Every structure is written in structure tokens, then in C-alpha cells.
Protein backbone atom coordinates (compact mmCIF):
# COMPACT_ATOMS: atom_id res chain seq x y z
CA UNK A 1 26.16 9.87 2.88
CA UNK A 2 22.90 10.44 4.73
CA UNK A 3 20.06 8.09 3.47
CA UNK A 4 17.46 9.63 5.66
CA UNK A 5 14.57 10.97 3.79
CA UNK A 6 13.33 14.93 4.24
CA UNK A 7 10.94 15.59 6.70
CA UNK A 8 7.22 15.18 5.34
CA UNK A 9 5.25 18.59 5.85
CA UNK A 10 2.97 18.21 8.89
CA UNK A 11 -0.19 19.06 6.46
CA UNK A 12 0.00 17.59 3.18
CA UNK A 13 -2.25 17.96 -0.01
CA UNK A 14 -2.62 14.41 -1.10
CA UNK A 15 -2.31 13.40 -4.90
CA UNK A 16 -1.27 9.62 -5.10
CA UNK A 17 -1.90 7.06 -2.38
CA UNK A 18 2.35 7.11 -1.97
CA UNK A 19 1.62 10.51 -0.22
CA UNK A 20 -0.89 8.90 2.35
CA UNK A 21 1.73 5.89 2.58
CA UNK A 22 4.63 8.28 3.33
CA UNK A 23 2.58 9.93 5.89
CA UNK A 24 1.67 6.96 7.75
CA UNK A 25 5.14 5.40 7.51
CA UNK A 26 6.37 8.68 8.97
CA UNK A 27 3.99 8.99 11.86
CA UNK A 28 4.48 5.15 12.68
CA UNK A 29 8.21 5.79 13.06
CA UNK A 30 7.82 8.81 14.93
CA UNK A 31 5.78 6.87 17.55
CA UNK A 32 8.79 4.44 17.72
CA UNK A 33 6.41 1.54 16.46
CA UNK A 34 7.84 -1.19 14.37
CA UNK A 35 5.40 -2.40 11.62
CA UNK A 36 4.33 -5.38 12.92
CA UNK A 37 3.44 -3.52 16.52
CA UNK A 38 1.76 -0.82 14.57
CA UNK A 39 -0.44 -3.37 12.80
CA UNK A 40 -1.33 -5.12 15.84
CA UNK A 41 -2.25 -1.88 17.51
CA UNK A 42 -4.28 -0.96 14.87
CA UNK A 43 -6.11 -4.43 14.50
CA UNK A 44 -4.64 -4.83 10.72
CA UNK A 45 -2.56 -7.34 9.11
CA UNK A 46 1.38 -6.65 8.89
CA UNK A 47 0.27 -6.86 4.89
CA UNK A 48 -2.25 -4.50 4.86
CA UNK A 49 -0.02 -1.75 6.83
CA UNK A 50 2.95 -2.40 4.50
CA UNK A 51 0.61 -1.98 1.46
CA UNK A 52 -0.53 1.06 2.86
CA UNK A 53 2.80 2.28 3.37
CA UNK A 54 3.68 1.63 0.00
CA UNK A 55 0.97 3.41 -1.51
CA UNK A 56 -0.70 -0.10 -2.98
CA UNK A 57 -4.16 0.15 -3.92
CA UNK A 58 -6.85 -2.39 -2.80
CA UNK A 59 -7.36 -1.43 0.76
CA UNK A 60 -10.64 -1.09 2.42
CA UNK A 61 -11.35 2.63 3.34
CA UNK A 62 -12.41 1.61 7.03
CA UNK A 63 -9.09 -0.41 7.34
CA UNK A 64 -7.22 3.27 6.21
CA UNK A 65 -9.19 5.34 8.34
CA UNK A 66 -8.80 2.82 11.02
CA UNK A 67 -5.09 3.07 10.76
CA UNK A 68 -4.92 6.74 10.49
CA UNK A 69 -6.89 7.36 13.54
CA UNK A 70 -4.66 4.93 15.34
CA UNK A 71 -1.46 6.48 14.45
CA UNK A 72 -3.15 10.02 15.59
CA UNK A 73 -3.80 11.15 11.97
CA UNK A 74 -6.87 12.80 10.36
CA UNK A 75 -8.19 12.69 6.55
CA UNK A 76 -9.38 15.99 5.75
CA UNK A 77 -11.63 16.67 2.58
CA UNK A 78 -12.01 20.05 1.31
CA UNK A 79 -12.91 21.84 -1.91
CA UNK A 80 -9.50 23.11 -4.07
CA UNK A 81 -10.82 26.59 -3.66
CA UNK A 82 -11.11 26.55 0.26
CA UNK A 83 -9.69 29.12 2.42
CA UNK A 84 -7.73 26.22 4.55
CA UNK A 85 -5.82 25.30 1.59
CA UNK A 86 -4.70 28.52 0.78
CA UNK A 87 -3.19 29.11 4.31
CA UNK A 88 -1.08 26.10 3.80
CA UNK A 89 2.69 26.41 3.08
CA UNK A 90 3.70 26.52 -0.54
CA UNK A 91 5.90 23.29 -0.33
CA UNK A 92 2.55 21.49 0.54
CA UNK A 93 0.07 22.12 -2.25
CA UNK A 94 0.42 20.59 -5.57
């Protein structure tokens, strides 16, 4: 029995904080980083990074953005009817 999760889409429309957390965890693991090493590299606590990865609320936006940047991720905000969103694969859309 394989316990690995299916790969996440490279681009994903976020519907809940758990979507952000899944992407953060996947990218951290892709880079071969343990959670404590990634936290140290991004200047955040292990507790904060764990809360982010588990989709918990109460994380300051500046800390979220620092972690995303440190892992090579970007947060993009667009109107729901923007042409960019129409070009995404259907499995990434709500």
C-alpha cells in the first residue's frame, strides 16, 4: 500500500488555508528540507511553519509571505474571471 499523496498541481487556486499548507509542505519536501531546517532558513519558528503546513489560521501575513518567498513560491491574486485563471488546467480550479 502506497501512503504517498498524489502530486499537487504546480499552480493552484487556493480555496482554504489547507491548500496553502499543502503547497508549502510539498515544496519544503521537494527541496529536501526538514521542517526545523526550513523554519530556521526562513526566520520563523518550527511551530509557525507547522501551523502553516497544517492550514491553521492565526499566522501573520508577513510571516506567510516570508515563508513562501523562502521556498521559492509566490502568492498571486487575480479576479476570478481573469484570463490567467482560464488558462489553468481544470484540476486546479474550484
